[in-house]
Amino acid sequence: MVLLIRTAKAIVDEVRAERPAASSPMAPVHGLAARYLLGRDDVTTVELARYLGITKQSTSEAVALLEKTGTVRRAPHPSDGRARVLLLTDDGKERLEQGRRRWQRVEDEWAEIVGRDRLDVVRGVLEEILAADLVARDGRVPVDQNSSCVAS
């Protein structure tokens, strides 16, 4: 497990080194949250917290920063007058695309090192582990296809 954590840190460090604003307060959780919102118009903070596997309070803090940076906005829920949904802004979509391109460059470099086929096996295994974790935590089979490292 330490190997997996160190590998994840190496990936994040490499992507951050390419980012123009190195002093950005954004963390990987912000990218994961934004990626989950892509193409959705019915996600509440509670649902986002469940998906991310963090507390509602931590999710609220992450969403506050995403709002402050213009990445997301809140809107009235279409069927629940008490709730608000989180929507990715056009600027948020562009930032997400820029991040996707950075992640893709890292993945391409790694594919050159170990081979695309071997890297695809690793991706498949990790996606199965994440899906099983979501089922264990939430009792739901994930319908999200946005969990890919490249897409996050």
N, C-alpha and C. Protein backbone atom coordinates (compact mmCIF):
# COMPACT_ATOMS: atom_id res chain seq x y z
N MET A 1 0.81 -1.19 0.00
CA MET A 1 0.00 0.00 0.00
C MET A 1 0.85 1.27 0.00
N VAL A 2 1.98 1.23 0.68
CA VAL A 2 2.86 2.40 0.69
C VAL A 2 3.31 2.71 -0.73
N LEU A 3 3.55 1.67 -1.50
CA LEU A 3 3.96 1.86 -2.89
C LEU A 3 2.89 2.61 -3.68
N LEU A 4 1.64 2.26 -3.46
CA LEU A 4 0.54 2.93 -4.15
C LEU A 4 0.45 4.39 -3.74
N ILE A 5 0.59 4.68 -2.48
CA ILE A 5 0.53 6.06 -1.99
C ILE A 5 1.69 6.88 -2.55
N ARG A 6 2.88 6.29 -2.54
CA ARG A 6 4.05 7.01 -3.08
C ARG A 6 3.90 7.26 -4.58
N THR A 7 3.30 6.29 -5.29
CA THR A 7 3.08 6.46 -6.72
C THR A 7 2.07 7.58 -6.97
N ALA A 8 1.00 7.60 -6.21
CA ALA A 8 0.00 8.66 -6.35
C ALA A 8 0.64 10.02 -6.08
N LYS A 9 1.47 10.10 -5.07
CA LYS A 9 2.14 11.36 -4.77
C LYS A 9 3.06 11.78 -5.91
N ALA A 10 3.77 10.84 -6.49
CA ALA A 10 4.65 11.15 -7.62
C ALA A 10 3.86 11.71 -8.80
N ILE A 11 2.70 11.13 -9.05
CA ILE A 11 1.86 11.61 -10.15
C ILE A 11 1.39 13.04 -9.87
N VAL A 12 0.87 13.26 -8.67
CA VAL A 12 0.37 14.59 -8.31
C VAL A 12 1.50 15.62 -8.36
N ASP A 13 2.67 15.25 -7.85
CA ASP A 13 3.80 16.17 -7.88
C ASP A 13 4.19 16.53 -9.31
N GLU A 14 4.18 15.55 -10.20
CA GLU A 14 4.54 15.81 -11.59
C GLU A 14 3.53 16.73 -12.27
N VAL A 15 2.26 16.48 -12.02
CA VAL A 15 1.22 17.33 -12.61
C VAL A 15 1.30 18.75 -12.04
N ARG A 16 1.51 18.87 -10.75
CA ARG A 16 1.63 20.19 -10.13
C ARG A 16 2.82 20.97 -10.66
N ALA A 17 3.90 20.28 -10.96
CA ALA A 17 5.10 20.95 -11.48
C ALA A 17 4.82 21.60 -12.83
N GLU A 18 3.88 21.07 -13.58
CA GLU A 18 3.51 21.62 -14.89
C GLU A 18 2.51 22.76 -14.79
N ARG A 19 1.83 22.86 -13.65
CA ARG A 19 0.76 23.83 -13.51
C ARG A 19 1.32 25.24 -13.46
N PRO A 20 0.77 26.15 -14.24
CA PRO A 20 1.28 27.52 -14.28
C PRO A 20 1.22 28.24 -12.93
N ALA A 21 0.16 28.04 -12.19
CA ALA A 21 0.01 28.72 -10.89
C ALA A 21 0.35 27.75 -9.78
N ALA A 22 1.63 27.57 -9.53
CA ALA A 22 2.09 26.57 -8.56
C ALA A 22 1.59 26.87 -7.15
N SER A 23 1.23 28.10 -6.87
CA SER A 23 0.77 28.45 -5.54
C SER A 23 -0.75 28.32 -5.39
N SER A 24 -1.40 27.68 -6.32
CA SER A 24 -2.84 27.50 -6.29
C SER A 24 -3.27 26.73 -5.04
N PRO A 25 -4.38 27.14 -4.42
CA PRO A 25 -4.87 26.43 -3.24
C PRO A 25 -5.61 25.14 -3.61
N MET A 26 -5.75 24.86 -4.88
CA MET A 26 -6.48 23.67 -5.32
C MET A 26 -5.68 22.41 -5.02
N ALA A 27 -6.40 21.36 -4.64
CA ALA A 27 -5.80 20.06 -4.34
C ALA A 27 -6.48 19.01 -5.22
N PRO A 28 -5.95 17.80 -5.26
CA PRO A 28 -6.58 16.77 -6.09
C PRO A 28 -8.08 16.58 -5.83
N VAL A 29 -8.51 16.75 -4.58
CA VAL A 29 -9.93 16.57 -4.28
C VAL A 29 -10.80 17.56 -5.06
N HIS A 30 -10.27 18.75 -5.33
CA HIS A 30 -11.04 19.74 -6.08
C HIS A 30 -11.22 19.28 -7.53
N GLY A 31 -10.19 18.71 -8.09
CA GLY A 31 -10.30 18.17 -9.45
C GLY A 31 -11.25 16.99 -9.52
N LEU A 32 -11.20 16.13 -8.51
CA LEU A 32 -12.12 14.99 -8.48
C LEU A 32 -13.57 15.46 -8.37
N ALA A 33 -13.79 16.47 -7.55
CA ALA A 33 -15.14 17.02 -7.40
C ALA A 33 -15.62 17.63 -8.71
N ALA A 34 -14.78 18.43 -9.34
CA ALA A 34 -15.17 19.06 -10.60
C ALA A 34 -15.44 18.01 -11.66
N ARG A 35 -14.61 16.98 -11.73
CA ARG A 35 -14.80 15.93 -12.73
C ARG A 35 -16.13 15.22 -12.52
N TYR A 36 -16.50 15.00 -11.27
CA TYR A 36 -17.77 14.34 -10.99
C TYR A 36 -18.95 15.19 -11.45
N LEU A 37 -18.80 16.50 -11.40
CA LEU A 37 -19.90 17.40 -11.79
C LEU A 37 -20.06 17.52 -13.30
N LEU A 38 -19.03 17.18 -14.04
CA LEU A 38 -19.07 17.33 -15.49
C LEU A 38 -20.24 16.57 -16.09
N GLY A 39 -21.09 17.29 -16.80
CA GLY A 39 -22.24 16.67 -17.46
C GLY A 39 -23.42 16.38 -16.55
N ARG A 40 -23.36 16.80 -15.31
CA ARG A 40 -24.45 16.55 -14.37
C ARG A 40 -25.08 17.88 -13.95
N ASP A 41 -26.37 17.83 -13.67
CA ASP A 41 -27.06 19.04 -13.22
C ASP A 41 -27.92 18.79 -11.99
N ASP A 42 -27.65 17.67 -11.31
CA ASP A 42 -28.48 17.31 -10.17
C ASP A 42 -27.69 16.87 -8.94
N VAL A 43 -26.42 17.26 -8.87
CA VAL A 43 -25.56 16.82 -7.77
C VAL A 43 -25.62 17.82 -6.62
N THR A 44 -25.94 17.32 -5.44
CA THR A 44 -25.94 18.13 -4.23
C THR A 44 -24.61 17.94 -3.50
N THR A 45 -24.36 18.78 -2.52
CA THR A 45 -23.14 18.64 -1.73
C THR A 45 -23.13 17.30 -1.00
N VAL A 46 -24.28 16.84 -0.54
CA VAL A 46 -24.37 15.55 0.16
C VAL A 46 -23.96 14.42 -0.78
N GLU A 47 -24.46 14.44 -2.01
CA GLU A 47 -24.09 13.39 -2.97
C GLU A 47 -22.61 13.46 -3.32
N LEU A 48 -22.09 14.67 -3.47
CA LEU A 48 -20.68 14.83 -3.78
C LEU A 48 -19.82 14.30 -2.63
N ALA A 49 -20.22 14.56 -1.40
CA ALA A 49 -19.48 14.05 -0.24
C ALA A 49 -19.46 12.52 -0.26
N ARG A 50 -20.58 11.92 -0.58
CA ARG A 50 -20.67 10.46 -0.65
C ARG A 50 -19.72 9.94 -1.72
N TYR A 51 -19.72 10.57 -2.88
CA TYR A 51 -18.86 10.14 -3.97
C TYR A 51 -17.38 10.27 -3.60
N LEU A 52 -17.01 11.40 -3.00
CA LEU A 52 -15.61 11.64 -2.66
C LEU A 52 -15.16 10.82 -1.46
N GLY A 53 -16.11 10.37 -0.65
CA GLY A 53 -15.76 9.60 0.54
C GLY A 53 -15.19 10.46 1.64
N ILE A 54 -15.66 11.73 1.70
CA ILE A 54 -15.21 12.64 2.76
C ILE A 54 -16.44 13.20 3.46
N THR A 55 -16.22 13.90 4.57
CA THR A 55 -17.33 14.43 5.33
C THR A 55 -18.06 15.54 4.57
N LYS A 56 -19.29 15.79 4.97
CA LYS A 56 -20.05 16.89 4.37
C LYS A 56 -19.36 18.22 4.62
N GLN A 57 -18.78 18.36 5.82
CA GLN A 57 -18.09 19.61 6.15
C GLN A 57 -16.87 19.81 5.22
N SER A 58 -16.08 18.77 5.03
CA SER A 58 -14.92 18.87 4.14
C SER A 58 -15.37 19.15 2.70
N THR A 59 -16.46 18.52 2.30
CA THR A 59 -16.99 18.77 0.96
C THR A 59 -17.45 20.20 0.82
N SER A 60 -18.11 20.73 1.84
CA SER A 60 -18.56 22.12 1.81
C SER A 60 -17.38 23.07 1.67
N GLU A 61 -16.28 22.77 2.36
CA GLU A 61 -15.08 23.60 2.25
C GLU A 61 -14.49 23.52 0.85
N ALA A 62 -14.46 22.32 0.27
CA ALA A 62 -13.94 22.15 -1.09
C ALA A 62 -14.82 22.91 -2.08
N VAL A 63 -16.14 22.80 -1.92
CA VAL A 63 -17.07 23.49 -2.82
C VAL A 63 -16.92 25.01 -2.68
N ALA A 64 -16.71 25.48 -1.47
CA ALA A 64 -16.53 26.92 -1.26
C ALA A 64 -15.33 27.43 -2.05
N LEU A 65 -14.24 26.68 -2.05
CA LEU A 65 -13.07 27.09 -2.82
C LEU A 65 -13.34 27.01 -4.32
N LEU A 66 -14.06 25.98 -4.74
CA LEU A 66 -14.42 25.86 -6.17
C LEU A 66 -15.31 27.02 -6.60
N GLU A 67 -16.19 27.45 -5.71
CA GLU A 67 -17.03 28.62 -6.01
C GLU A 67 -16.18 29.89 -6.09
N LYS A 68 -15.29 30.03 -5.12
CA LYS A 68 -14.44 31.23 -5.06
C LYS A 68 -13.59 31.37 -6.32
N THR A 69 -13.14 30.26 -6.87
CA THR A 69 -12.31 30.30 -8.07
C THR A 69 -13.12 30.32 -9.35
N GLY A 70 -14.44 30.31 -9.23
CA GLY A 70 -15.29 30.36 -10.42
C GLY A 70 -15.42 29.04 -11.15
N THR A 71 -15.07 27.96 -10.49
CA THR A 71 -15.13 26.63 -11.11
C THR A 71 -16.54 26.06 -11.06
N VAL A 72 -17.25 26.30 -9.97
CA VAL A 72 -18.63 25.83 -9.84
C VAL A 72 -19.52 26.96 -9.35
N ARG A 73 -20.80 26.75 -9.53
CA ARG A 73 -21.80 27.66 -8.97
C ARG A 73 -22.94 26.82 -8.42
N ARG A 74 -23.66 27.38 -7.51
CA ARG A 74 -24.83 26.70 -6.94
C ARG A 74 -26.08 27.22 -7.63
N ALA A 75 -27.06 26.34 -7.73
CA ALA A 75 -28.34 26.70 -8.35
C ALA A 75 -29.45 25.96 -7.60
N PRO A 76 -30.69 26.45 -7.72
CA PRO A 76 -31.79 25.75 -7.07
C PRO A 76 -31.93 24.32 -7.61
N HIS A 77 -32.25 23.39 -6.72
CA HIS A 77 -32.49 22.01 -7.12
C HIS A 77 -33.79 21.97 -7.93
N PRO A 78 -33.83 21.21 -9.01
CA PRO A 78 -35.02 21.21 -9.86
C PRO A 78 -36.29 20.66 -9.20
N SER A 79 -36.13 19.77 -8.20
CA SER A 79 -37.33 19.18 -7.59
C SER A 79 -37.40 19.32 -6.07
N ASP A 80 -36.36 19.81 -5.43
CA ASP A 80 -36.34 19.96 -3.98
C ASP A 80 -36.05 21.42 -3.66
N GLY A 81 -37.08 22.14 -3.26
CA GLY A 81 -36.95 23.57 -3.00
C GLY A 81 -35.97 23.91 -1.89
N ARG A 82 -35.64 22.95 -1.03
CA ARG A 82 -34.71 23.22 0.07
C ARG A 82 -33.26 23.00 -0.34
N ALA A 83 -33.05 22.25 -1.39
CA ALA A 83 -31.68 21.87 -1.76
C ALA A 83 -31.14 22.74 -2.90
N ARG A 84 -29.82 22.71 -3.04
CA ARG A 84 -29.13 23.41 -4.13
C ARG A 84 -28.28 22.38 -4.85
N VAL A 85 -28.11 22.57 -6.14
CA VAL A 85 -27.25 21.69 -6.91
C VAL A 85 -25.96 22.44 -7.25
N LEU A 86 -24.94 21.67 -7.56
CA LEU A 86 -23.63 22.22 -7.91
C LEU A 86 -23.45 22.06 -9.42
N LEU A 87 -23.12 23.16 -10.07
CA LEU A 87 -22.95 23.14 -11.52
C LEU A 87 -21.56 23.61 -11.89
N LEU A 88 -20.95 22.91 -12.80
CA LEU A 88 -19.63 23.29 -13.30
C LEU A 88 -19.81 24.48 -14.25
N THR A 89 -19.03 25.52 -14.06
CA THR A 89 -19.10 26.70 -14.93
C THR A 89 -18.31 26.44 -16.21
N ASP A 90 -18.46 27.33 -17.19
CA ASP A 90 -17.67 27.20 -18.41
C ASP A 90 -16.18 27.30 -18.09
N ASP A 91 -15.83 28.20 -17.18
CA ASP A 91 -14.44 28.32 -16.76
C ASP A 91 -13.98 27.03 -16.08
N GLY A 92 -14.84 26.45 -15.29
CA GLY A 92 -14.53 25.18 -14.63
C GLY A 92 -14.30 24.07 -15.64
N LYS A 93 -15.11 24.04 -16.68
CA LYS A 93 -14.94 23.03 -17.74
C LYS A 93 -13.60 23.21 -18.44
N GLU A 94 -13.21 24.45 -18.69
CA GLU A 94 -11.93 24.71 -19.33
C GLU A 94 -10.77 24.30 -18.43
N ARG A 95 -10.87 24.62 -17.15
CA ARG A 95 -9.81 24.22 -16.20
C ARG A 95 -9.70 22.70 -16.12
N LEU A 96 -10.85 22.05 -16.14
CA LEU A 96 -10.87 20.60 -16.09
C LEU A 96 -10.19 20.01 -17.33
N GLU A 97 -10.43 20.59 -18.47
CA GLU A 97 -9.80 20.13 -19.71
C GLU A 97 -8.29 20.35 -19.66
N GLN A 98 -7.87 21.48 -19.14
CA GLN A 98 -6.43 21.73 -19.00
C GLN A 98 -5.79 20.69 -18.08
N GLY A 99 -6.46 20.39 -16.99
CA GLY A 99 -5.96 19.37 -16.06
C GLY A 99 -5.93 18.00 -16.71
N ARG A 100 -6.96 17.68 -17.48
CA ARG A 100 -7.00 16.40 -18.18
C ARG A 100 -5.81 16.25 -19.11
N ARG A 101 -5.47 17.34 -19.81
CA ARG A 101 -4.32 17.29 -20.71
C ARG A 101 -3.02 17.07 -19.94
N ARG A 102 -2.88 17.69 -18.76
CA ARG A 102 -1.68 17.47 -17.94
C ARG A 102 -1.61 16.02 -17.47
N TRP A 103 -2.73 15.48 -17.00
CA TRP A 103 -2.76 14.09 -16.56
C TRP A 103 -2.43 13.16 -17.72
N GLN A 104 -2.95 13.49 -18.89
CA GLN A 104 -2.71 12.64 -20.07
C GLN A 104 -1.22 12.60 -20.42
N ARG A 105 -0.54 13.73 -20.31
CA ARG A 105 0.90 13.76 -20.58
C ARG A 105 1.66 12.84 -19.61
N VAL A 106 1.27 12.88 -18.35
CA VAL A 106 1.92 12.01 -17.37
C VAL A 106 1.64 10.55 -17.71
N GLU A 107 0.40 10.24 -18.02
CA GLU A 107 0.06 8.86 -18.36
C GLU A 107 0.83 8.40 -19.60
N ASP A 108 0.94 9.26 -20.59
CA ASP A 108 1.69 8.90 -21.80
C ASP A 108 3.16 8.62 -21.48
N GLU A 109 3.75 9.42 -20.59
CA GLU A 109 5.14 9.18 -20.18
C GLU A 109 5.26 7.83 -19.49
N TRP A 110 4.32 7.51 -18.63
CA TRP A 110 4.36 6.24 -17.92
C TRP A 110 4.15 5.08 -18.88
N ALA A 111 3.28 5.26 -19.88
CA ALA A 111 3.05 4.21 -20.87
C ALA A 111 4.33 3.93 -21.65
N GLU A 112 5.12 4.96 -21.89
CA GLU A 112 6.41 4.76 -22.57
C GLU A 112 7.35 3.93 -21.70
N ILE A 113 7.26 4.08 -20.40
CA ILE A 113 8.14 3.36 -19.49
C ILE A 113 7.73 1.89 -19.37
N VAL A 114 6.43 1.63 -19.14
CA VAL A 114 5.99 0.26 -18.85
C VAL A 114 5.18 -0.39 -19.96
N GLY A 115 4.77 0.39 -20.96
CA GLY A 115 3.93 -0.14 -22.03
C GLY A 115 2.46 0.16 -21.77
N ARG A 116 1.76 0.55 -22.84
CA ARG A 116 0.35 0.92 -22.71
C ARG A 116 -0.50 -0.24 -22.20
N ASP A 117 -0.24 -1.44 -22.68
CA ASP A 117 -1.04 -2.58 -22.27
C ASP A 117 -0.91 -2.86 -20.77
N ARG A 118 0.28 -2.75 -20.23
CA ARG A 118 0.48 -2.97 -18.80
C ARG A 118 -0.17 -1.85 -17.99
N LEU A 119 -0.06 -0.63 -18.48
CA LEU A 119 -0.68 0.49 -17.78
C LEU A 119 -2.21 0.36 -17.79
N ASP A 120 -2.76 -0.13 -18.89
CA ASP A 120 -4.21 -0.35 -18.96
C ASP A 120 -4.67 -1.41 -17.96
N VAL A 121 -3.83 -2.43 -17.73
CA VAL A 121 -4.17 -3.45 -16.72
C VAL A 121 -4.21 -2.80 -15.34
N VAL A 122 -3.22 -1.97 -15.04
CA VAL A 122 -3.20 -1.28 -13.74
C VAL A 122 -4.46 -0.42 -13.59
N ARG A 123 -4.80 0.32 -14.65
CA ARG A 123 -6.00 1.16 -14.61
C ARG A 123 -7.24 0.32 -14.32
N GLY A 124 -7.37 -0.79 -15.01
CA GLY A 124 -8.53 -1.66 -14.82
C GLY A 124 -8.64 -2.18 -13.40
N VAL A 125 -7.51 -2.60 -12.84
CA VAL A 125 -7.49 -3.09 -11.46
C VAL A 125 -7.90 -1.98 -10.49
N LEU A 126 -7.33 -0.79 -10.67
CA LEU A 126 -7.66 0.32 -9.77
C LEU A 126 -9.12 0.72 -9.89
N GLU A 127 -9.68 0.71 -11.09
CA GLU A 127 -11.10 1.04 -11.26
C GLU A 127 -11.98 0.01 -10.57
N GLU A 128 -11.60 -1.27 -10.62
CA GLU A 128 -12.37 -2.31 -9.92
C GLU A 128 -12.31 -2.11 -8.41
N ILE A 129 -11.14 -1.77 -7.90
CA ILE A 129 -11.00 -1.53 -6.46
C ILE A 129 -11.85 -0.34 -6.03
N LEU A 130 -11.81 0.75 -6.81
CA LEU A 130 -12.62 1.93 -6.47
C LEU A 130 -14.11 1.62 -6.54
N ALA A 131 -14.53 0.85 -7.53
CA ALA A 131 -15.95 0.49 -7.65
C ALA A 131 -16.38 -0.35 -6.46
N ALA A 132 -15.55 -1.32 -6.05
CA ALA A 132 -15.88 -2.16 -4.90
C ALA A 132 -15.94 -1.32 -3.63
N ASP A 133 -15.04 -0.34 -3.51
CA ASP A 133 -15.05 0.54 -2.34
C ASP A 133 -16.35 1.34 -2.29
N LEU A 134 -16.78 1.85 -3.42
CA LEU A 134 -18.02 2.63 -3.45
C LEU A 134 -19.22 1.76 -3.07
N VAL A 135 -19.25 0.54 -3.57
CA VAL A 135 -20.33 -0.37 -3.21
C VAL A 135 -20.30 -0.65 -1.70
N ALA A 136 -19.11 -0.89 -1.16
CA ALA A 136 -18.98 -1.17 0.27
C ALA A 136 -19.41 0.02 1.13
N ARG A 137 -19.06 1.23 0.69
CA ARG A 137 -19.38 2.43 1.46
C ARG A 137 -20.83 2.83 1.31
N ASP A 138 -21.35 2.68 0.10
CA ASP A 138 -22.64 3.28 -0.22
C ASP A 138 -23.71 2.27 -0.59
N GLY A 139 -23.32 1.04 -0.87
CA GLY A 139 -24.30 0.04 -1.25
C GLY A 139 -24.81 0.19 -2.66
N ARG A 140 -24.20 1.10 -3.43
CA ARG A 140 -24.65 1.33 -4.81
C ARG A 140 -23.55 0.93 -5.77
N VAL A 141 -23.95 0.34 -6.87
CA VAL A 141 -23.01 0.07 -7.93
C VAL A 141 -22.77 1.38 -8.66
N PRO A 142 -21.51 1.78 -8.86
CA PRO A 142 -21.25 3.08 -9.50
C PRO A 142 -21.69 3.09 -10.95
N VAL A 143 -22.31 4.20 -11.33
CA VAL A 143 -22.68 4.40 -12.73
C VAL A 143 -21.76 5.44 -13.36
N ASP A 144 -20.86 5.97 -12.54
CA ASP A 144 -19.96 7.03 -12.98
C ASP A 144 -18.81 6.46 -13.79
N GLN A 145 -18.60 7.02 -14.95
CA GLN A 145 -17.46 6.64 -15.77
C GLN A 145 -16.38 7.70 -15.71
N ASN A 146 -16.46 8.58 -14.73
CA ASN A 146 -15.53 9.70 -14.61
C ASN A 146 -14.40 9.44 -13.64
N SER A 147 -14.21 8.21 -13.22
CA SER A 147 -13.21 7.95 -12.19
C SER A 147 -11.81 7.76 -12.73
N SER A 148 -11.67 7.69 -14.02
CA SER A 148 -10.37 7.45 -14.63
C SER A 148 -9.34 8.49 -14.23
N CYS A 149 -8.10 8.04 -14.04
CA CYS A 149 -7.01 8.96 -13.68
C CYS A 149 -6.84 10.04 -14.72
N VAL A 150 -6.95 9.67 -15.98
CA VAL A 150 -6.77 10.64 -17.05
C VAL A 150 -7.88 11.68 -17.01
N ALA A 151 -9.05 11.23 -16.66
CA ALA A 151 -10.20 12.14 -16.69
C ALA A 151 -10.28 13.00 -15.44
N SER A 152 -9.61 12.64 -14.39
CA SER A 152 -9.73 13.38 -13.14
C SER A 152 -8.90 14.64 -13.11
